[in-house]
Amino acid sequence: MSAFDVTITDNQASPVSWNLKHEVVGWSHTTAIPGGGLSASFKVYAPTFIPPLYLRQFYNVTAAYERGIFWAGRIESLNSSQDREGEYWAVGCVGWGVHLDDQIDVSEDVSSTATNTVVANAVTNFTQKIDVQTISTTSWTLGAGITALKMMTPAQIIAQMMAFGDTSNNAQQWHVYPQDDGDIEFTFEDRPAATGYTARASQFEHKQFGSIGSRLANRVIVQYANATKTVTVNDTTLQGAGPAGWGFIKAIKLIYNEIPDSAAGDADALQIATVALALAGVERMAAKSLVARNNVDFRNSDGHDVPLHRIRSGKILELEDLMGRSTGGSNALTFDRSCLIVGTTYDEDTQTLSITPESYALTIEQQIARIYQVLDGRHTTGGSL
């Protein structure tokens, strides 16, 4: 029996809800950036000759505990099976972050349009389950003549806009999470620069982390205008001698053929390259495994305790008992004591939270592919998605 209040609501004009707190077993859920709440799974012991009335594809699911709702989405798969306890239905759900891949925009004219406006329009025009939009980043205004975006989902359109960053060249992120009252909120924001959660590395059950150089670069080259032009930006400090530099040039390439051959196109391509370089030149933690149980004390930026099931992707985790190597000393927010959380998996049966830091991030397409592999006839009560 789950400790969470899991509620299923049908999709009729006058909806009917069922609270399954006493029926749900083996709850687990995942979050990721980009995306937010991505998936959940549980099982219900019931005869398998026909699903219970409350188990239907695309019915809405919420999970709540004490402070309010912490996960929301829809039923995506139902599979019958049995074990020593009897017959059961394995229920696979996807969160409303995946909802941004449900529809396709055939053609979207983004010429001379602010990136925030493009993002807001994609969410407004092609989603039905988003109640609140929070866009807290500054816009980059796209140049005239940029090719219309064609046959893209809202998530893909947002990814295109993220490449331009904000007017201060900051990288951006988006996620969809339920508010405590159940409203579904889409957030488009700058990559966080301040601590969202703190914890002590010594309390984790398992931890393995370090640094990976393959993700770093000190030169970015953007090809655009149908492969007729390029723009290159360099971090000359990182290209120079140590200790501040690496002593060699390390480049990455990006291709944006929809950007036109024009003065406005040149500015757009330069902006993409500048934002990419600002992100690629910063060393970050590359943890392979951070596993926490209930003995780990997570606190938010206000100093309040955060239970494991409420830890979400999209926030900076600072391990406060590690020594930072920057000139800021032990209190510095540096790569060797902090990381952006890009994935979490919480399993209620084992009371375990697995955290994926940024350097092992998956794209939204990879995350969705992984979800559907899991939902295709597989469920374990102690498992992870």
Foldseek 3Di string as FASTA:
>chain_A
DAPKFKKWWADDPPIDIDTCRVFWFQWKFKAFWFQGTFKIKTKGADDDPDDPPRDDFFIKIWIADDLATWFIFTWHFWDWDADPVGIMIITMTTGCSCQQQPDWDAWADQAQHWLVVQLVCLPVVRGDQADEEAEDAATDGAHGQQGIDGGHGSVVSNVVRQLLPHPVLFGKTWYWTADRHGHIYIYIYGQDPDFFKEWAQVQWPDWAKDWDLVQAFFKEKEAEQQRPDIDMDGDVQQCPDDPSHDVHGGYDYHYYHSQHPDPSSVVSRVSSRSSSNVVRHAIAMQIPKTKHAQSIFMAGPVRHTDQQSNDIFRGKYFNLVDWDPDPVTRPDPGRVGIFGFGMWMAIRVVRMIITGGDVPHDDPVVVVVVSVVCSPRHDDSRDTD
